[in-house]
Amino acid sequence: MQKAQRTHYLINQMDERLFFPATSRNRDCIAEALSKFLPDKGSVLEIASGSGEHGVAFQKLFPFIKWQTSDPNHSYRKSIRAWIIHQGLEAKMPQPIDLDVESKPWPLAQEFRRTLKTIVCINMLHISSWGCTQSLFEESANHLKKNNLLILYGPFQIDGKHTSKSNELFDHSLKTQNPNWGVRDLAEVNAVATSNGLKNHAVIEMQAHNLLVAFKKS
């Protein structure tokens, strides 16, 4: 998966946990929004989990589900494992999966697929190629059951326009790094969803001009 390296830092060289500054800023508001959509039981698959800070926080906040993290980056998976241990979640939370959204089919065990109820993807679309977005919806459609949700969080354009000057500047910065990156237009994302049998179920305005968008499997 062609994706930007996120800004992060280590507490010390003996601790493999990574810390993403944005996570501490958005974790609580994302959790509050997710609480409206998460299942009463079953499993949630998080795509592109990064440091694992979101994953362990959500596992603790929603103990009635099993939160399965994933990331193609080896150092990120090491960080996720370290966070799981640090939070004492080894007995509850599974180890992260090496999953690249563009590498199909996704390596999901049959038993996990049976219990999967929701897929969550936070801050990936704008720092990956458009092919990653297409693959995300294609494989989500293959694994989700009727009325299950795919939930996205991040910045979006609306009808071809940025929702803030900061998002416009951010988009320009991303495209300077790689022309395949950039803030996606929600209408184009909706079109990919529809073509894969998912419909836009809800849109929630979040802090810092981000959106949380839930898509329901038909």
Protein backbone atom coordinates (compact mmCIF):
# COMPACT_ATOMS: atom_id res chain seq x y z
CA MET A 1 0.00 0.00 0.00
CA GLN A 2 1.54 3.29 -1.09
CA LYS A 3 1.09 5.49 1.94
CA ALA A 4 2.86 8.38 3.63
CA GLN A 5 4.92 7.90 6.74
CA ARG A 6 2.99 9.58 9.55
CA THR A 7 4.67 11.95 11.98
CA HIS A 8 5.54 10.04 15.13
CA TYR A 9 8.05 9.76 17.92
CA LEU A 10 9.33 7.24 20.49
CA ILE A 11 9.38 7.79 24.24
CA ASN A 12 12.77 6.03 24.39
CA GLN A 13 14.77 3.50 22.44
CA MET A 14 13.79 0.62 24.76
CA ASP A 15 10.08 1.22 24.22
CA GLU A 16 8.72 0.17 20.81
CA ARG A 17 5.51 2.16 21.20
CA LEU A 18 5.12 4.92 18.64
CA PHE A 19 3.20 8.09 19.49
CA PHE A 20 1.27 9.94 16.78
CA PRO A 21 0.46 13.49 18.00
CA ALA A 22 -2.81 13.61 16.04
CA THR A 23 -4.12 10.54 17.86
CA SER A 24 -4.30 12.19 21.27
CA ARG A 25 -6.17 15.09 19.68
CA ASN A 26 -8.84 13.10 17.84
CA ARG A 27 -9.16 9.86 19.83
CA ASP A 28 -11.98 10.93 22.12
CA CYS A 29 -14.14 12.56 19.49
CA ILE A 30 -13.74 9.58 17.15
CA ALA A 31 -14.67 7.20 19.99
CA GLU A 32 -17.81 9.22 20.72
CA ALA A 33 -18.86 9.10 17.07
CA LEU A 34 -18.02 5.39 16.74
CA SER A 35 -20.19 4.59 19.74
CA LYS A 36 -23.24 5.40 17.60
CA PHE A 37 -22.39 2.69 15.07
CA LEU A 38 -20.37 -0.13 16.65
CA PRO A 39 -22.06 -3.51 17.09
CA ASP A 40 -23.16 -4.91 20.46
CA LYS A 41 -20.79 -7.84 19.98
CA GLY A 42 -18.51 -9.42 17.40
CA SER A 43 -15.30 -8.21 15.79
CA VAL A 44 -14.13 -4.92 14.28
CA LEU A 45 -11.31 -4.77 11.73
CA GLU A 46 -9.24 -1.58 11.73
CA ILE A 47 -7.41 -0.91 8.46
CA ALA A 48 -4.08 0.99 8.55
CA SER A 49 -3.90 1.08 12.36
CA GLY A 50 -0.59 2.96 12.46
CA SER A 51 0.89 3.20 15.95
CA GLY A 52 -1.96 1.24 17.56
CA GLU A 53 -2.94 4.07 19.91
CA HIS A 54 -6.46 4.22 18.49
CA GLY A 55 -6.80 0.45 18.60
CA VAL A 56 -5.94 -0.05 22.26
CA ALA A 57 -8.03 2.97 23.29
CA PHE A 58 -11.08 1.68 21.46
CA GLN A 59 -10.59 -1.87 22.76
CA LYS A 60 -10.67 -0.53 26.32
CA LEU A 61 -13.64 1.75 25.64
CA PHE A 62 -15.65 -0.96 23.86
CA PRO A 63 -14.83 -4.20 25.73
CA PHE A 64 -17.87 -6.00 24.31
CA ILE A 65 -16.21 -6.27 20.89
CA LYS A 66 -12.88 -7.66 19.67
CA TRP A 67 -10.77 -4.96 18.02
CA GLN A 68 -8.49 -6.39 15.31
CA THR A 69 -5.76 -4.00 14.19
CA SER A 70 -3.79 -4.28 10.94
CA ASP A 71 -1.01 -2.48 9.09
CA PRO A 72 1.45 -3.37 6.29
CA ASN A 73 4.26 -1.47 8.03
CA HIS A 74 6.41 -3.75 10.21
CA SER A 75 7.47 -0.99 12.61
CA TYR A 76 3.85 0.00 13.12
CA ARG A 77 2.87 -3.60 13.92
CA LYS A 78 5.71 -3.69 16.48
CA SER A 79 4.29 -0.53 18.01
CA ILE A 80 0.79 -2.02 18.11
CA ARG A 81 2.09 -5.12 19.91
CA ALA A 82 3.94 -2.92 22.39
CA TRP A 83 0.80 -0.88 23.05
CA ILE A 84 -1.27 -4.03 23.59
CA ILE A 85 1.24 -5.23 26.20
CA HIS A 86 1.53 -1.79 27.81
CA GLN A 87 -2.24 -1.61 28.25
CA GLY A 88 -2.50 -5.19 29.56
CA LEU A 89 -4.76 -6.28 26.71
CA GLU A 90 -2.96 -9.47 25.66
CA ALA A 91 -5.82 -11.71 26.81
CA LYS A 92 -8.49 -9.66 25.06
CA MET A 93 -6.99 -8.03 21.98
CA PRO A 94 -5.57 -10.06 19.06
CA GLN A 95 -2.16 -9.35 17.56
CA PRO A 96 -2.06 -7.04 14.51
CA ILE A 97 -2.43 -8.48 11.02
CA ASP A 98 -0.01 -7.75 8.17
CA LEU A 99 -2.64 -6.41 5.77
CA ASP A 100 -2.11 -4.25 2.69
CA VAL A 101 -5.47 -3.08 1.31
CA GLU A 102 -4.28 -3.52 -2.29
CA SER A 103 -3.09 -7.09 -1.72
CA LYS A 104 -6.19 -9.21 -2.32
CA PRO A 105 -7.70 -11.29 -0.92
CA TRP A 106 -7.14 -9.92 2.58
CA PRO A 107 -5.54 -12.45 4.97
CA LEU A 108 -8.51 -12.87 7.31
CA ALA A 109 -9.06 -16.18 9.10
CA GLN A 110 -12.39 -17.88 8.48
CA GLU A 111 -13.42 -17.68 12.15
CA PHE A 112 -12.65 -13.96 12.24
CA ARG A 113 -14.67 -13.40 9.08
CA ARG A 114 -17.61 -15.14 10.76
CA THR A 115 -17.61 -12.66 13.66
CA LEU A 116 -16.70 -9.53 11.64
CA LYS A 117 -19.34 -6.82 11.99
CA THR A 118 -17.61 -3.51 11.18
CA ILE A 119 -14.53 -2.22 9.33
CA VAL A 120 -12.93 1.06 10.46
CA CYS A 121 -10.35 3.10 8.53
CA ILE A 122 -8.94 6.28 10.07
CA ASN A 123 -6.87 8.85 8.15
CA MET A 124 -5.80 6.62 5.27
CA LEU A 125 -7.57 7.77 2.12
CA HIS A 126 -5.71 11.07 1.74
CA ILE A 127 -2.24 9.58 2.31
CA SER A 128 -2.58 6.64 -0.06
CA SER A 129 -3.24 6.12 -3.75
CA TRP A 130 -6.78 6.11 -5.16
CA GLY A 131 -6.27 2.41 -5.80
CA CYS A 132 -6.16 1.88 -2.03
CA THR A 133 -9.59 3.49 -1.69
CA GLN A 134 -10.98 1.29 -4.44
CA SER A 135 -9.49 -1.84 -2.90
CA LEU A 136 -10.79 -0.86 0.54
CA PHE A 137 -14.37 -0.82 -0.72
CA GLU A 138 -13.97 -3.90 -2.91
CA GLU A 139 -12.62 -6.09 -0.11
CA SER A 140 -14.93 -4.60 2.51
CA ALA A 141 -17.86 -5.57 0.30
CA ASN A 142 -16.47 -9.12 0.12
CA HIS A 143 -16.18 -9.48 3.90
CA LEU A 144 -19.07 -7.48 5.34
CA LYS A 145 -22.52 -8.97 5.67
CA LYS A 146 -25.82 -7.25 4.92
CA ASN A 147 -26.28 -4.08 7.03
CA ASN A 148 -22.68 -4.20 8.33
CA LEU A 149 -20.73 -0.95 8.21
CA LEU A 150 -17.50 0.42 6.77
CA ILE A 151 -16.59 3.58 8.73
CA LEU A 152 -14.11 6.18 7.46
CA TYR A 153 -12.58 9.17 9.24
CA GLY A 154 -10.55 11.99 7.78
CA PRO A 155 -10.69 15.15 5.62
CA PHE A 156 -12.92 15.21 2.55
CA GLN A 157 -13.86 17.63 -0.19
CA ILE A 158 -17.58 18.26 -0.68
CA ASP A 159 -18.76 18.67 -4.28
CA GLY A 160 -15.24 19.44 -5.40
CA LYS A 161 -14.60 22.10 -2.76
CA HIS A 162 -12.48 22.01 0.37
CA THR A 163 -14.32 22.52 3.64
CA SER A 164 -11.62 24.84 5.02
CA LYS A 165 -8.53 26.77 3.99
CA SER A 166 -6.41 24.49 6.18
CA ASN A 167 -7.68 21.42 4.31
CA GLU A 168 -6.90 23.11 0.99
CA LEU A 169 -3.33 23.82 2.11
CA PHE A 170 -3.03 20.27 3.48
CA ASP A 171 -4.20 18.87 0.13
CA HIS A 172 -1.61 20.94 -1.73
CA SER A 173 1.11 19.72 0.65
CA LEU A 174 0.12 16.08 0.10
CA LYS A 175 0.13 16.41 -3.68
CA THR A 176 3.53 18.05 -3.53
CA GLN A 177 4.84 14.95 -1.78
CA ASN A 178 3.08 12.57 -4.15
CA PRO A 179 0.57 13.43 -6.91
CA ASN A 180 -1.34 10.23 -6.10
CA TRP A 181 -2.22 11.51 -2.62
CA GLY A 182 -4.75 14.15 -1.68
CA VAL A 183 -8.00 14.96 0.10
CA ARG A 184 -10.71 12.89 -1.60
CA ASP A 185 -14.06 14.20 -2.79
CA LEU A 186 -16.88 12.55 -0.87
CA ALA A 187 -18.98 12.25 -4.05
CA GLU A 188 -16.25 10.20 -5.73
CA VAL A 189 -15.89 8.02 -2.63
CA ASN A 190 -19.67 7.54 -2.57
CA ALA A 191 -19.56 6.44 -6.22
CA VAL A 192 -16.97 3.75 -5.40
CA ALA A 193 -19.09 2.66 -2.45
CA THR A 194 -22.23 2.36 -4.57
CA SER A 195 -20.44 0.34 -7.24
CA ASN A 196 -19.48 -2.16 -4.53
CA GLY A 197 -22.90 -2.48 -2.93
CA LEU A 198 -22.38 -0.06 -0.04
CA LYS A 199 -24.44 3.08 0.49
CA ASN A 200 -23.67 6.26 2.39
CA HIS A 201 -25.45 5.70 5.69
CA ALA A 202 -24.35 8.69 7.78
CA VAL A 203 -21.99 11.67 7.76
CA ILE A 204 -20.87 13.32 11.00
CA GLU A 205 -18.92 16.57 11.10
CA MET A 206 -15.89 16.22 13.35
CA GLN A 207 -13.30 18.55 14.82
CA ALA A 208 -10.53 20.08 12.67
CA HIS A 209 -12.78 19.99 9.56
CA ASN A 210 -12.81 16.19 9.35
CA LEU A 211 -15.75 13.87 8.71
CA LEU A 212 -16.76 10.46 9.97
CA VAL A 213 -18.64 8.66 7.20
CA ALA A 214 -20.44 5.34 7.63
CA PHE A 215 -21.29 3.11 4.66
CA LYS A 216 -23.81 0.27 5.00
CA LYS A 217 -23.57 -3.01 3.06
CA SER A 218 -26.72 -3.60 1.01
